[in-house]
Amino acid sequence: MNEEPTLLECVNRLHMMSLFPERFPGLTAEQIGQLRLALETINQAIEDVDSILWDRPEQNIEPPGMEFGG
């Protein structure tokens, strides 16, 4: 039974193929360009999510802290 790769595994493989295309001789220059574009898109999406969740005070979730009662 083949297991589907996780998203992280796919992104890691994509990153390796983009950085070290010589290790993947079957890739064409066009495919390498597409890989790099895909990585840029993924990085932009991560930045967008980060800014949506953490750069807006109303969305910030404060980590749980210790409360001292009195």
Protein backbone atom coordinates (compact mmCIF):
# COMPACT_ATOMS: atom_id res chain seq x y z
CA MET A 1 0.00 0.00 0.00
CA ASN A 2 1.42 3.39 -1.02
CA GLU A 3 1.03 6.22 1.41
CA GLU A 4 0.44 9.71 0.06
CA PRO A 5 3.34 12.07 0.88
CA THR A 6 2.60 14.76 3.42
CA LEU A 7 2.49 18.40 2.43
CA LEU A 8 5.79 18.98 4.23
CA GLU A 9 7.43 16.10 2.35
CA CYS A 10 6.21 17.54 -0.96
CA VAL A 11 7.47 21.02 -0.16
CA ASN A 12 10.84 19.65 1.00
CA ARG A 13 11.21 17.68 -2.23
CA LEU A 14 10.19 20.70 -4.28
CA HIS A 15 12.77 22.78 -2.45
CA MET A 16 15.53 20.23 -3.06
CA MET A 17 14.66 19.96 -6.76
CA SER A 18 14.72 23.74 -7.10
CA LEU A 19 18.01 24.24 -5.25
CA PHE A 20 19.86 21.27 -6.72
CA PRO A 21 18.45 20.63 -10.20
CA GLU A 22 21.68 18.83 -11.17
CA ARG A 23 20.60 15.98 -8.87
CA PHE A 24 17.49 15.54 -11.02
CA PRO A 25 18.82 15.25 -14.59
CA GLY A 26 15.39 14.52 -16.01
CA LEU A 27 14.15 18.05 -15.26
CA THR A 28 13.95 20.51 -18.11
CA ALA A 29 14.77 24.20 -17.73
CA GLU A 30 11.04 24.93 -17.99
CA GLN A 31 10.24 22.50 -15.18
CA ILE A 32 12.93 24.03 -12.98
CA GLY A 33 11.39 27.46 -13.61
CA GLN A 34 7.97 26.09 -12.68
CA LEU A 35 9.41 24.58 -9.48
CA ARG A 36 10.88 27.91 -8.48
CA LEU A 37 7.61 29.70 -9.23
CA ALA A 38 5.73 27.14 -7.13
CA LEU A 39 8.13 27.73 -4.22
CA GLU A 40 7.65 31.49 -4.49
CA THR A 41 3.89 30.95 -4.41
CA ILE A 42 4.15 28.70 -1.34
CA ASN A 43 6.38 31.23 0.44
CA GLN A 44 3.93 34.04 -0.33
CA ALA A 45 1.02 31.98 1.00
CA ILE A 46 2.93 31.29 4.23
CA GLU A 47 3.67 35.01 4.63
CA ASP A 48 0.01 35.83 3.97
CA VAL A 49 -1.19 33.38 6.61
CA ASP A 50 1.38 34.69 9.07
CA SER A 51 0.27 38.28 8.57
CA ILE A 52 -3.41 37.36 8.75
CA LEU A 53 -2.99 35.49 12.03
CA TRP A 54 -0.27 37.42 13.84
CA ASP A 55 0.06 40.96 12.45
CA ARG A 56 -3.43 41.97 13.48
CA PRO A 57 -3.94 42.61 17.19
CA GLU A 58 -7.54 41.42 17.07
CA GLN A 59 -6.32 38.04 15.80
CA ASN A 60 -3.42 37.62 18.19
CA ILE A 61 -3.85 34.77 20.57
CA GLU A 62 -1.94 35.32 23.76
CA PRO A 63 -0.08 32.28 24.99
CA PRO A 64 -1.40 30.86 28.23
CA GLY A 65 0.42 32.26 31.23
CA MET A 66 0.49 31.65 34.90
CA GLU A 67 -2.12 33.44 36.88
CA PHE A 68 -1.53 34.38 40.47
CA GLY A 69 -4.64 34.64 42.57
CA GLY A 70 -5.02 36.73 45.61
